[in-house]
Structures are given as C-alpha cells and as structure tokens.
C-alpha cells in the first residue's frame, strides 16, 4: 500500500505517468498498474485522463494526496524510531533558505544548530521563495526561510527580521541584473521598475544574489538588491520603507514532534536576529 501511495504522490505532483516512472526508476506500466490497484482498493477514480499524456486529479485524488502526505511522513518517522531502537539513527531535518536569508541568516542559525549534529542529519537547500513554498506544501521540507510574504493553509508563518533593498550599481548602465521571476527580490524589483516607469533596455536574469553583487562590484549593470549583500565600494540609493522586507520562518501546521529540539533552537535564535542598518 505504501509503495502505491508513493507512486500516486509522484503522479499527482508530475501530472504525468511517464515522468513519474522516470522519477521512481520503474516502468510506466508498473505506475499505471499501481494506480489502478489503488483506485480498485478505494472504489474511486483518482485521475482524469485528458489525453495520452495529460492527466488531472479528481476530487478524490486531491483528498487522497492531502492524507497520503501525512501517512507517508508518519510511516517514515515510525521506521526511523524503530531503527533507532537497534542503533543510533540521525533524524533528517530538511531546511531551505532563500538566497537572501541564506547569506544573512543561515550561517548563524546553523552554528546554533551544530550541537544537535549527533542526533539530526541536517540537509540544507537554497532555492527561491516560491520553490520553498511548493516543497514545504509537498512535505519535502521541515523549515523554510523566505523573504516573500507567502500564504498557504498548510503552513504556519512567523516573521522575525528584516533587511533593506536598495537601488545599486551603475545608474547610467542600460543593463539591469534581475533575479528569476519567482524570487522575493524580483517581486520588489518589478514593483520598483513599474513605479519609476523604467523599461530596461537590456536585462540579465541571474539565480544568485551573490553573483549579482559581484557583478555590481565590477561596475557591471544596476539592480535592486539587499544592502547587506553589497560590497562596500558599490554605490547605492536608499529606497522607501515599502522596500524594507520582513523575513519569515515557514513550518508545517502539523509539526513533526521529533523535531521539537530543533524548533526550540530555531525560534529563539531568529527572535534575537536583526539586521544592523
């Protein structure tokens, strides 16, 4: 049953039997068979086939996906606890940070968590805010650090600090260095360009604040970026309070009780954390 649920979740997330088979390293007929077995067991249809490749979940499929995530996570925790009775097994703790919070917050936070290294296997990922929200909604992360005000029913959100975005670089350059569309910085950059009625002649999309900061330090282009990641030699102009961003900690609404020791360190650390203006 758990294999069928795992297969179902991958099919649900990919919306494609072939892609699911590739991710699971099994054949497409095996994927189809497992889904059919699950539908037979539940006496319902989980997906509507709209063509040879395109599928969409039914109402039953959407409901099953919500419960399947909880069941699979509970099963993984149960296996870990049982294995721990025989030998010491580190519990995975998956943390993702957006590029800005990774630069400003993550080093100190991981230092605070280091004493728990004997009991937890910390897995750290960098991604943009939208990617983190998606991964957390799919129960693929335990903690998320973002700077974009995202909202979802499945997650709790807690604000803990701030930074200041500035307009930086060569103000006469026709080249604008932009983050990807899903990032928190890009959200504010687009707002700035619209407010200033600026239509960049040239753009370069870069998935890294650090690379943008390095290019600005070389005198290449202009951008909207956190003041705290800029090199001291880069000229900038301060923007208004609407470009002063709060950071957020995302956690599942139904937290894993085994991660309570991590939570007890994460929250107090972030509560003390501030950015010096």
C-alpha atoms as a PDB file:
ATOM      1  CA  UNK A   1       0.000   0.000   0.000  1.00  0.00           C
ATOM      2  CA  UNK A   2       2.804   2.447   0.856  1.00  0.00           C
ATOM      3  CA  UNK A   3       4.512   1.851  -2.500  1.00  0.00           C
ATOM      4  CA  UNK A   4       1.214   2.581  -4.229  1.00  0.00           C
ATOM      5  CA  UNK A   5       0.787   5.770  -2.209  1.00  0.00           C
ATOM      6  CA  UNK A   6       4.331   6.870  -3.036  1.00  0.00           C
ATOM      7  CA  UNK A   7       3.675   6.269  -6.713  1.00  0.00           C
ATOM      8  CA  UNK A   8       0.358   8.100  -6.505  1.00  0.00           C
ATOM      9  CA  UNK A   9       2.011  11.168  -4.933  1.00  0.00           C
ATOM     10  CA  UNK A  10       4.649  11.379  -7.658  1.00  0.00           C
ATOM     11  CA  UNK A  11       1.997  11.030 -10.375  1.00  0.00           C
ATOM     12  CA  UNK A  12      -0.072  13.722  -8.647  1.00  0.00           C
ATOM     13  CA  UNK A  13       2.902  16.120  -8.494  1.00  0.00           C
ATOM     14  CA  UNK A  14       4.133  15.496 -12.044  1.00  0.00           C
ATOM     15  CA  UNK A  15       0.680  15.115 -13.660  1.00  0.00           C
ATOM     16  CA  UNK A  16       2.330  12.616 -15.987  1.00  0.00           C
ATOM     17  CA  UNK A  17       2.702   8.813 -15.786  1.00  0.00           C
ATOM     18  CA  UNK A  18       5.906   8.768 -17.842  1.00  0.00           C
ATOM     19  CA  UNK A  19       7.597  11.453 -15.747  1.00  0.00           C
ATOM     20  CA  UNK A  20       6.546   9.666 -12.567  1.00  0.00           C
ATOM     21  CA  UNK A  21       8.024   6.405 -13.852  1.00  0.00           C
ATOM     22  CA  UNK A  22      11.308   8.172 -14.608  1.00  0.00           C
ATOM     23  CA  UNK A  23      11.500   9.675 -11.114  1.00  0.00           C
ATOM     24  CA  UNK A  24      10.676   6.339  -9.455  1.00  0.00           C
ATOM     25  CA  UNK A  25      13.001   4.286 -11.711  1.00  0.00           C
ATOM     26  CA  UNK A  26      10.200   1.924 -12.670  1.00  0.00           C
ATOM     27  CA  UNK A  27       8.329   1.281 -15.913  1.00  0.00           C
ATOM     28  CA  UNK A  28       5.263   3.248 -16.966  1.00  0.00           C
ATOM     29  CA  UNK A  29       3.062   0.097 -17.000  1.00  0.00           C
ATOM     30  CA  UNK A  30       4.081  -0.512 -13.379  1.00  0.00           C
ATOM     31  CA  UNK A  31       2.997   3.014 -12.487  1.00  0.00           C
ATOM     32  CA  UNK A  32      -0.349   2.515 -14.268  1.00  0.00           C
ATOM     33  CA  UNK A  33      -0.886  -0.828 -12.524  1.00  0.00           C
ATOM     34  CA  UNK A  34      -0.227   0.612  -9.065  1.00  0.00           C
ATOM     35  CA  UNK A  35      -2.628   3.497  -9.666  1.00  0.00           C
ATOM     36  CA  UNK A  36      -5.309   1.091 -10.896  1.00  0.00           C
ATOM     37  CA  UNK A  37      -4.784  -1.109  -7.801  1.00  0.00           C
ATOM     38  CA  UNK A  38      -5.184   1.940  -5.575  1.00  0.00           C
ATOM     39  CA  UNK A  39      -8.350   3.024  -7.393  1.00  0.00           C
ATOM     40  CA  UNK A  40      -9.745  -0.507  -7.064  1.00  0.00           C
ATOM     41  CA  UNK A  41      -8.957  -0.575  -3.355  1.00  0.00           C
ATOM     42  CA  UNK A  42     -10.663   2.783  -2.798  1.00  0.00           C
ATOM     43  CA  UNK A  43     -13.521   2.199  -5.266  1.00  0.00           C
ATOM     44  CA  UNK A  44     -12.947   5.563  -6.916  1.00  0.00           C
ATOM     45  CA  UNK A  45     -11.170   7.294  -9.791  1.00  0.00           C
ATOM     46  CA  UNK A  46      -8.101   9.283  -8.803  1.00  0.00           C
ATOM     47  CA  UNK A  47      -7.166  10.875 -12.133  1.00  0.00           C
ATOM     48  CA  UNK A  48      -8.995  12.042 -15.213  1.00  0.00           C
ATOM     49  CA  UNK A  49      -7.166  11.160 -18.412  1.00  0.00           C
ATOM     50  CA  UNK A  50      -7.321  14.115 -20.818  1.00  0.00           C
ATOM     51  CA  UNK A  51      -5.152  12.542 -23.500  1.00  0.00           C
ATOM     52  CA  UNK A  52      -2.169  10.279 -23.944  1.00  0.00           C
ATOM     53  CA  UNK A  53      -0.005  12.367 -21.619  1.00  0.00           C
ATOM     54  CA  UNK A  54      -2.160  14.928 -19.812  1.00  0.00           C
ATOM     55  CA  UNK A  55      -3.970  13.937 -16.602  1.00  0.00           C
ATOM     56  CA  UNK A  56      -5.634  15.857 -13.781  1.00  0.00           C
ATOM     57  CA  UNK A  57      -6.621  14.732 -10.277  1.00  0.00           C
ATOM     58  CA  UNK A  58     -10.260  14.189  -9.375  1.00  0.00           C
ATOM     59  CA  UNK A  59     -11.757  15.453  -6.124  1.00  0.00           C
ATOM     60  CA  UNK A  60     -10.960  12.027  -4.610  1.00  0.00           C
ATOM     61  CA  UNK A  61      -7.383  12.325  -5.869  1.00  0.00           C
ATOM     62  CA  UNK A  62      -6.932  15.746  -4.281  1.00  0.00           C
ATOM     63  CA  UNK A  63      -8.286  14.475  -0.948  1.00  0.00           C
ATOM     64  CA  UNK A  64      -6.102  11.360  -1.039  1.00  0.00           C
ATOM     65  CA  UNK A  65      -2.990  13.460  -1.777  1.00  0.00           C
ATOM     66  CA  UNK A  66      -3.517  15.540   1.368  1.00  0.00           C
ATOM     67  CA  UNK A  67      -3.846  12.435   3.554  1.00  0.00           C
ATOM     68  CA  UNK A  68      -1.179  10.427   1.713  1.00  0.00           C
ATOM     69  CA  UNK A  69       1.476  13.023   2.547  1.00  0.00           C
ATOM     70  CA  UNK A  70       0.671  12.696   6.239  1.00  0.00           C
ATOM     71  CA  UNK A  71       0.561   8.882   6.097  1.00  0.00           C
ATOM     72  CA  UNK A  72       3.894   8.602   4.287  1.00  0.00           C
ATOM     73  CA  UNK A  73       5.594  11.072   6.609  1.00  0.00           C
ATOM     74  CA  UNK A  74       4.205   9.232   9.647  1.00  0.00           C
ATOM     75  CA  UNK A  75       5.442   5.925   8.224  1.00  0.00           C
ATOM     76  CA  UNK A  76       8.917   7.363   7.630  1.00  0.00           C
ATOM     77  CA  UNK A  77       9.029   8.650  11.204  1.00  0.00           C
ATOM     78  CA  UNK A  78       7.856   5.280  12.531  1.00  0.00           C
ATOM     79  CA  UNK A  79      10.589   3.447  10.622  1.00  0.00           C
ATOM     80  CA  UNK A  80      13.183   5.873  11.946  1.00  0.00           C
ATOM     81  CA  UNK A  81      12.027   5.361  15.549  1.00  0.00           C
ATOM     82  CA  UNK A  82      12.038   1.577  15.196  1.00  0.00           C
ATOM     83  CA  UNK A  83      15.504   1.595  13.629  1.00  0.00           C
ATOM     84  CA  UNK A  84      16.732   3.835  16.424  1.00  0.00           C
ATOM     85  CA  UNK A  85      15.903   1.145  18.988  1.00  0.00           C
ATOM     86  CA  UNK A  86      18.645  -1.010  17.433  1.00  0.00           C
ATOM     87  CA  UNK A  87      21.268   1.602  16.678  1.00  0.00           C
ATOM     88  CA  UNK A  88      21.659   5.359  16.645  1.00  0.00           C
ATOM     89  CA  UNK A  89      19.988   6.789  13.555  1.00  0.00           C
ATOM     90  CA  UNK A  90      20.095  10.516  12.907  1.00  0.00           C
ATOM     91  CA  UNK A  91      16.710  12.023  12.176  1.00  0.00           C
ATOM     92  CA  UNK A  92      16.629  14.015   8.896  1.00  0.00           C
ATOM     93  CA  UNK A  93      15.940  17.721   9.300  1.00  0.00           C
ATOM     94  CA  UNK A  94      15.388  19.473   5.982  1.00  0.00           C
ATOM     95  CA  UNK A  95      15.924  23.238   5.898  1.00  0.00           C
ATOM     96  CA  UNK A  96      15.669  25.502   2.857  1.00  0.00           C
ATOM     97  CA  UNK A  97      16.559  29.176   2.665  1.00  0.00           C
ATOM     98  CA  UNK A  98      16.017  31.803   0.016  1.00  0.00           C
ATOM     99  CA  UNK A  99      19.204  33.348  -1.354  1.00  0.00           C
ATOM    100  CA  UNK A 100      18.998  36.472   0.809  1.00  0.00           C
ATOM    101  CA  UNK A 101      18.250  34.672   4.066  1.00  0.00           C
ATOM    102  CA  UNK A 102      20.937  32.102   3.196  1.00  0.00           C
ATOM    103  CA  UNK A 103      23.539  34.882   3.108  1.00  0.00           C
ATOM    104  CA  UNK A 104      22.356  36.823   6.134  1.00  0.00           C
ATOM    105  CA  UNK A 105      20.682  34.359   8.491  1.00  0.00           C
ATOM    106  CA  UNK A 106      21.691  30.797   7.677  1.00  0.00           C
ATOM    107  CA  UNK A 107      25.360  30.821   8.836  1.00  0.00           C
ATOM    108  CA  UNK A 108      24.473  31.898  12.360  1.00  0.00           C
ATOM    109  CA  UNK A 109      21.457  29.620  12.538  1.00  0.00           C
ATOM    110  CA  UNK A 110      23.442  26.546  11.508  1.00  0.00           C
ATOM    111  CA  UNK A 111      26.084  27.442  14.074  1.00  0.00           C
ATOM    112  CA  UNK A 112      23.355  27.458  16.718  1.00  0.00           C
ATOM    113  CA  UNK A 113      22.094  24.069  15.485  1.00  0.00           C
ATOM    114  CA  UNK A 114      25.546  22.451  15.287  1.00  0.00           C
ATOM    115  CA  UNK A 115      25.361  20.976  18.843  1.00  0.00           C
ATOM    116  CA  UNK A 116      22.404  18.855  17.665  1.00  0.00           C
ATOM    117  CA  UNK A 117      24.504  17.253  14.922  1.00  0.00           C
ATOM    118  CA  UNK A 118      24.817  13.966  16.805  1.00  0.00           C
ATOM    119  CA  UNK A 119      21.057  13.463  16.675  1.00  0.00           C
ATOM    120  CA  UNK A 120      19.952  15.171  13.455  1.00  0.00           C
ATOM    121  CA  UNK A 121      21.046  14.885   9.863  1.00  0.00           C
ATOM    122  CA  UNK A 122      20.707  18.494   8.701  1.00  0.00           C
ATOM    123  CA  UNK A 123      20.050  18.832   4.975  1.00  0.00           C
ATOM    124  CA  UNK A 124      20.335  22.389   3.677  1.00  0.00           C
ATOM    125  CA  UNK A 125      18.974  23.653   0.373  1.00  0.00           C
ATOM    126  CA  UNK A 126      18.995  27.051  -1.320  1.00  0.00           C
ATOM    127  CA  UNK A 127      16.018  27.980  -3.504  1.00  0.00           C
ATOM    128  CA  UNK A 128      13.779  30.918  -4.279  1.00  0.00           C
ATOM    129  CA  UNK A 129      10.761  31.677  -2.112  1.00  0.00           C
ATOM    130  CA  UNK A 130       8.180  30.128  -4.446  1.00  0.00           C
ATOM    131  CA  UNK A 131      10.154  26.876  -4.746  1.00  0.00           C
ATOM    132  CA  UNK A 132      10.439  26.653  -0.958  1.00  0.00           C
ATOM    133  CA  UNK A 133       6.692  27.166  -0.539  1.00  0.00           C
ATOM    134  CA  UNK A 134       5.976  24.393  -3.053  1.00  0.00           C
ATOM    135  CA  UNK A 135       8.418  21.949  -1.433  1.00  0.00           C
ATOM    136  CA  UNK A 136       7.015  22.612   2.030  1.00  0.00           C
ATOM    137  CA  UNK A 137       3.444  22.169   0.804  1.00  0.00           C
ATOM    138  CA  UNK A 138       4.525  18.762  -0.525  1.00  0.00           C
ATOM    139  CA  UNK A 139       6.074  17.847   2.867  1.00  0.00           C
ATOM    140  CA  UNK A 140       9.577  17.786   1.380  1.00  0.00           C
ATOM    141  CA  UNK A 141      10.961  20.339   3.873  1.00  0.00           C
ATOM    142  CA  UNK A 142      10.707  20.854   7.629  1.00  0.00           C
ATOM    143  CA  UNK A 143      11.701  24.531   7.851  1.00  0.00           C
ATOM    144  CA  UNK A 144      11.772  27.319   5.286  1.00  0.00           C
ATOM    145  CA  UNK A 145      13.365  30.762   5.488  1.00  0.00           C
ATOM    146  CA  UNK A 146      11.959  33.235   2.966  1.00  0.00           C
ATOM    147  CA  UNK A 147      11.626  36.978   2.459  1.00  0.00           C
ATOM    148  CA  UNK A 148       8.478  36.974   0.347  1.00  0.00           C
ATOM    149  CA  UNK A 149       5.085  37.255   2.139  1.00  0.00           C
ATOM    150  CA  UNK A 150       3.691  33.890   1.029  1.00  0.00           C
ATOM    151  CA  UNK A 151       0.452  32.481   2.425  1.00  0.00           C
ATOM    152  CA  UNK A 152      -0.873  28.916   2.483  1.00  0.00           C
ATOM    153  CA  UNK A 153      -3.324  26.995   4.640  1.00  0.00           C
ATOM    154  CA  UNK A 154      -0.891  24.108   5.155  1.00  0.00           C
ATOM    155  CA  UNK A 155       1.914  26.146   6.728  1.00  0.00           C
ATOM    156  CA  UNK A 156       2.462  28.423   9.696  1.00  0.00           C
ATOM    157  CA  UNK A 157       4.307  31.674   9.004  1.00  0.00           C
ATOM    158  CA  UNK A 158       6.270  33.679  11.578  1.00  0.00           C
ATOM    159  CA  UNK A 159       8.031  36.996  10.920  1.00  0.00           C
ATOM    160  CA  UNK A 160      11.407  37.501  12.541  1.00  0.00           C
ATOM    161  CA  UNK A 161      13.666  40.148  10.999  1.00  0.00           C
ATOM    162  CA  UNK A 162      14.181  42.488   8.111  1.00  0.00           C
ATOM    163  CA  UNK A 163      16.547  43.866   5.519  1.00  0.00           C
ATOM    164  CA  UNK A 164      16.542  46.919   3.267  1.00  0.00           C
ATOM    165  CA  UNK A 165      16.500  46.748  -0.511  1.00  0.00           C
ATOM    166  CA  UNK A 166      18.409  49.466  -2.368  1.00  0.00           C
ATOM    167  CA  UNK A 167      18.942  50.561  -5.960  1.00  0.00           C
ATOM    168  CA  UNK A 168      22.608  49.811  -6.585  1.00  0.00           C
ATOM    169  CA  UNK A 169      25.284  49.791  -9.268  1.00  0.00           C
ATOM    170  CA  UNK A 170      25.992  51.958 -12.296  1.00  0.00           C
ATOM    171  CA  UNK A 171      22.867  54.096 -12.562  1.00  0.00           C
ATOM    172  CA  UNK A 172      23.712  55.056 -16.155  1.00  0.00           C
ATOM    173  CA  UNK A 173      24.070  51.483 -17.346  1.00  0.00           C
ATOM    174  CA  UNK A 174      21.377  50.187 -19.733  1.00  0.00           C
ATOM    175  CA  UNK A 175      21.863  46.697 -18.256  1.00  0.00           C
ATOM    176  CA  UNK A 176      19.619  45.545 -15.403  1.00  0.00           C
ATOM    177  CA  UNK A 177      20.627  42.468 -13.414  1.00  0.00           C
ATOM    178  CA  UNK A 178      17.448  40.651 -12.370  1.00  0.00           C
ATOM    179  CA  UNK A 179      16.647  37.665 -10.185  1.00  0.00           C
ATOM    180  CA  UNK A 180      14.351  34.977 -11.590  1.00  0.00           C
ATOM    181  CA  UNK A 181      10.613  35.678 -11.672  1.00  0.00           C
ATOM    182  CA  UNK A 182       9.750  33.504  -8.638  1.00  0.00           C
ATOM    183  CA  UNK A 183      12.223  35.134  -6.224  1.00  0.00           C
ATOM    184  CA  UNK A 184      11.378  37.597  -3.480  1.00  0.00           C
ATOM    185  CA  UNK A 185      13.884  40.170  -4.783  1.00  0.00           C
ATOM    186  CA  UNK A 186      12.337  40.072  -8.264  1.00  0.00           C
ATOM    187  CA  UNK A 187       8.913  40.772  -6.752  1.00  0.00           C
ATOM    188  CA  UNK A 188      10.224  44.061  -5.376  1.00  0.00           C
ATOM    189  CA  UNK A 189      12.363  44.824  -8.441  1.00  0.00           C
ATOM    190  CA  UNK A 190       9.336  44.647 -10.715  1.00  0.00           C
ATOM    191  CA  UNK A 191       7.461  46.983  -8.359  1.00  0.00           C
ATOM    192  CA  UNK A 192      10.369  49.461  -8.420  1.00  0.00           C
ATOM    193  CA  UNK A 193      10.657  49.439 -12.224  1.00  0.00           C
ATOM    194  CA  UNK A 194       6.917  49.972 -12.581  1.00  0.00           C
ATOM    195  CA  UNK A 195       6.855  52.789 -10.017  1.00  0.00           C
ATOM    196  CA  UNK A 196       9.770  54.544 -11.761  1.00  0.00           C
ATOM    197  CA  UNK A 197       8.317  53.861 -15.233  1.00  0.00           C
ATOM    198  CA  UNK A 198      11.574  52.160 -16.228  1.00  0.00           C
ATOM    199  CA  UNK A 199      11.653  49.746 -19.135  1.00  0.00           C
ATOM    200  CA  UNK A 200      15.162  48.223 -19.131  1.00  0.00           C
ATOM    201  CA  UNK A 201      16.925  48.243 -22.487  1.00  0.00           C
ATOM    202  CA  UNK A 202      18.967  45.200 -21.528  1.00  0.00           C
ATOM    203  CA  UNK A 203      18.397  42.565 -18.854  1.00  0.00           C
ATOM    204  CA  UNK A 204      20.277  39.594 -17.499  1.00  0.00           C
ATOM    205  CA  UNK A 205      18.454  37.073 -15.264  1.00  0.00           C
ATOM    206  CA  UNK A 206      20.693  35.550 -12.581  1.00  0.00           C
ATOM    207  CA  UNK A 207      19.627  32.998  -9.957  1.00  0.00           C
ATOM    208  CA  UNK A 208      22.028  34.281  -7.296  1.00  0.00           C
ATOM    209  CA  UNK A 209      22.238  37.440  -5.201  1.00  0.00           C
ATOM    210  CA  UNK A 210      25.947  36.860  -4.702  1.00  0.00           C
ATOM    211  CA  UNK A 211      26.701  36.771  -8.430  1.00  0.00           C
ATOM    212  CA  UNK A 212      24.699  39.970  -8.928  1.00  0.00           C
ATOM    213  CA  UNK A 213      26.577  41.624  -6.057  1.00  0.00           C
ATOM    214  CA  UNK A 214      29.929  40.571  -7.573  1.00  0.00           C
ATOM    215  CA  UNK A 215      28.967  41.984 -10.988  1.00  0.00           C
ATOM    216  CA  UNK A 216      27.886  45.277  -9.422  1.00  0.00           C
ATOM    217  CA  UNK A 217      31.243  45.433  -7.631  1.00  0.00           C
ATOM    218  CA  UNK A 218      32.918  45.119 -11.045  1.00  0.00           C
ATOM    219  CA  UNK A 219      30.931  48.088 -12.296  1.00  0.00           C
ATOM    220  CA  UNK A 220      28.604  45.992 -14.435  1.00  0.00           C
ATOM    221  CA  UNK A 221      24.918  46.910 -14.582  1.00  0.00           C
ATOM    222  CA  UNK A 222      22.446  48.059 -11.964  1.00  0.00           C
ATOM    223  CA  UNK A 223      19.959  46.211  -9.808  1.00  0.00           C
ATOM    224  CA  UNK A 224      17.672  46.209  -6.778  1.00  0.00           C
ATOM    225  CA  UNK A 225      19.320  44.160  -4.049  1.00  0.00           C
ATOM    226  CA  UNK A 226      19.631  43.810  -0.290  1.00  0.00           C
ATOM    227  CA  UNK A 227      22.009  46.436   1.055  1.00  0.00           C
ATOM    228  CA  UNK A 228      23.595  43.822   3.313  1.00  0.00           C
ATOM    229  CA  UNK A 229      24.948  41.700   0.446  1.00  0.00           C
ATOM    230  CA  UNK A 230      26.588  44.604  -1.418  1.00  0.00           C
ATOM    231  CA  UNK A 231      30.341  45.196  -1.449  1.00  0.00           C
ATOM    232  CA  UNK A 232      31.322  48.453   0.316  1.00  0.00           C
ATOM    233  CA  UNK A 233      32.526  50.014  -2.962  1.00  0.00           C
ATOM    234  CA  UNK A 234      29.167  49.686  -4.750  1.00  0.00           C
ATOM    235  CA  UNK A 235      27.184  52.951  -4.953  1.00  0.00           C
ATOM    236  CA  UNK A 236      23.532  52.756  -3.986  1.00  0.00           C
ATOM    237  CA  UNK A 237      20.496  54.851  -3.230  1.00  0.00           C
ATOM    238  CA  UNK A 238      18.138  54.022  -0.397  1.00  0.00           C
ATOM    239  CA  UNK A 239      14.542  53.215  -1.310  1.00  0.00           C
ATOM    240  CA  UNK A 240      11.429  53.799   0.775  1.00  0.00           C
ATOM    241  CA  UNK A 241      10.008  51.796   3.664  1.00  0.00           C
ATOM    242  CA  UNK A 242       7.982  49.716   1.199  1.00  0.00           C
ATOM    243  CA  UNK A 243      11.296  48.099   0.201  1.00  0.00           C
ATOM    244  CA  UNK A 244      12.113  47.159   3.775  1.00  0.00           C
ATOM    245  CA  UNK A 245      11.342  43.435   3.846  1.00  0.00           C
ATOM    246  CA  UNK A 246      10.470  41.185   6.736  1.00  0.00           C
ATOM    247  CA  UNK A 247      11.815  37.648   6.782  1.00  0.00           C
ATOM    248  CA  UNK A 248       9.578  34.682   7.555  1.00  0.00           C
ATOM    249  CA  UNK A 249      10.011  31.228   9.040  1.00  0.00           C
ATOM    250  CA  UNK A 250       7.721  28.632   7.448  1.00  0.00           C
ATOM    251  CA  UNK A 251       6.838  25.451   9.341  1.00  0.00           C
ATOM    252  CA  UNK A 252       4.215  22.752   8.696  1.00  0.00           C
ATOM    253  CA  UNK A 253       0.944  23.354  10.529  1.00  0.00           C
ATOM    254  CA  UNK A 254       1.228  19.795  11.862  1.00  0.00           C
ATOM    255  CA  UNK A 255       4.842  19.818  13.034  1.00  0.00           C
ATOM    256  CA  UNK A 256       6.844  16.625  13.487  1.00  0.00           C
ATOM    257  CA  UNK A 257       7.189  16.203  17.293  1.00  0.00           C
ATOM    258  CA  UNK A 258      10.590  14.543  16.824  1.00  0.00           C
ATOM    259  CA  UNK A 259      11.913  17.859  15.505  1.00  0.00           C
ATOM    260  CA  UNK A 260      10.909  19.740  18.670  1.00  0.00           C
ATOM    261  CA  UNK A 261      14.570  20.129  19.844  1.00  0.00           C
ATOM    262  CA  UNK A 262      15.393  21.838  16.547  1.00  0.00           C
ATOM    263  CA  UNK A 263      12.328  24.078  16.780  1.00  0.00           C
ATOM    264  CA  UNK A 264      13.333  25.053  20.306  1.00  0.00           C
ATOM    265  CA  UNK A 265      16.647  26.382  18.994  1.00  0.00           C
ATOM    266  CA  UNK A 266      15.441  27.833  15.690  1.00  0.00           C
ATOM    267  CA  UNK A 267      12.735  30.118  17.054  1.00  0.00           C
ATOM    268  CA  UNK A 268      14.747  31.762  19.881  1.00  0.00           C
ATOM    269  CA  UNK A 269      17.684  32.334  17.517  1.00  0.00           C
ATOM    270  CA  UNK A 270      15.504  34.004  14.909  1.00  0.00           C
ATOM    271  CA  UNK A 271      13.737  36.048  17.592  1.00  0.00           C
ATOM    272  CA  UNK A 272      17.097  37.594  18.526  1.00  0.00           C
ATOM    273  CA  UNK A 273      18.196  38.036  14.928  1.00  0.00           C
ATOM    274  CA  UNK A 274      18.156  41.531  13.435  1.00  0.00           C
ATOM    275  CA  UNK A 275      19.879  43.240  10.550  1.00  0.00           C
ATOM    276  CA  UNK A 276      22.004  46.213  11.520  1.00  0.00           C
ATOM    277  CA  UNK A 277      21.144  49.229   9.353  1.00  0.00           C
END
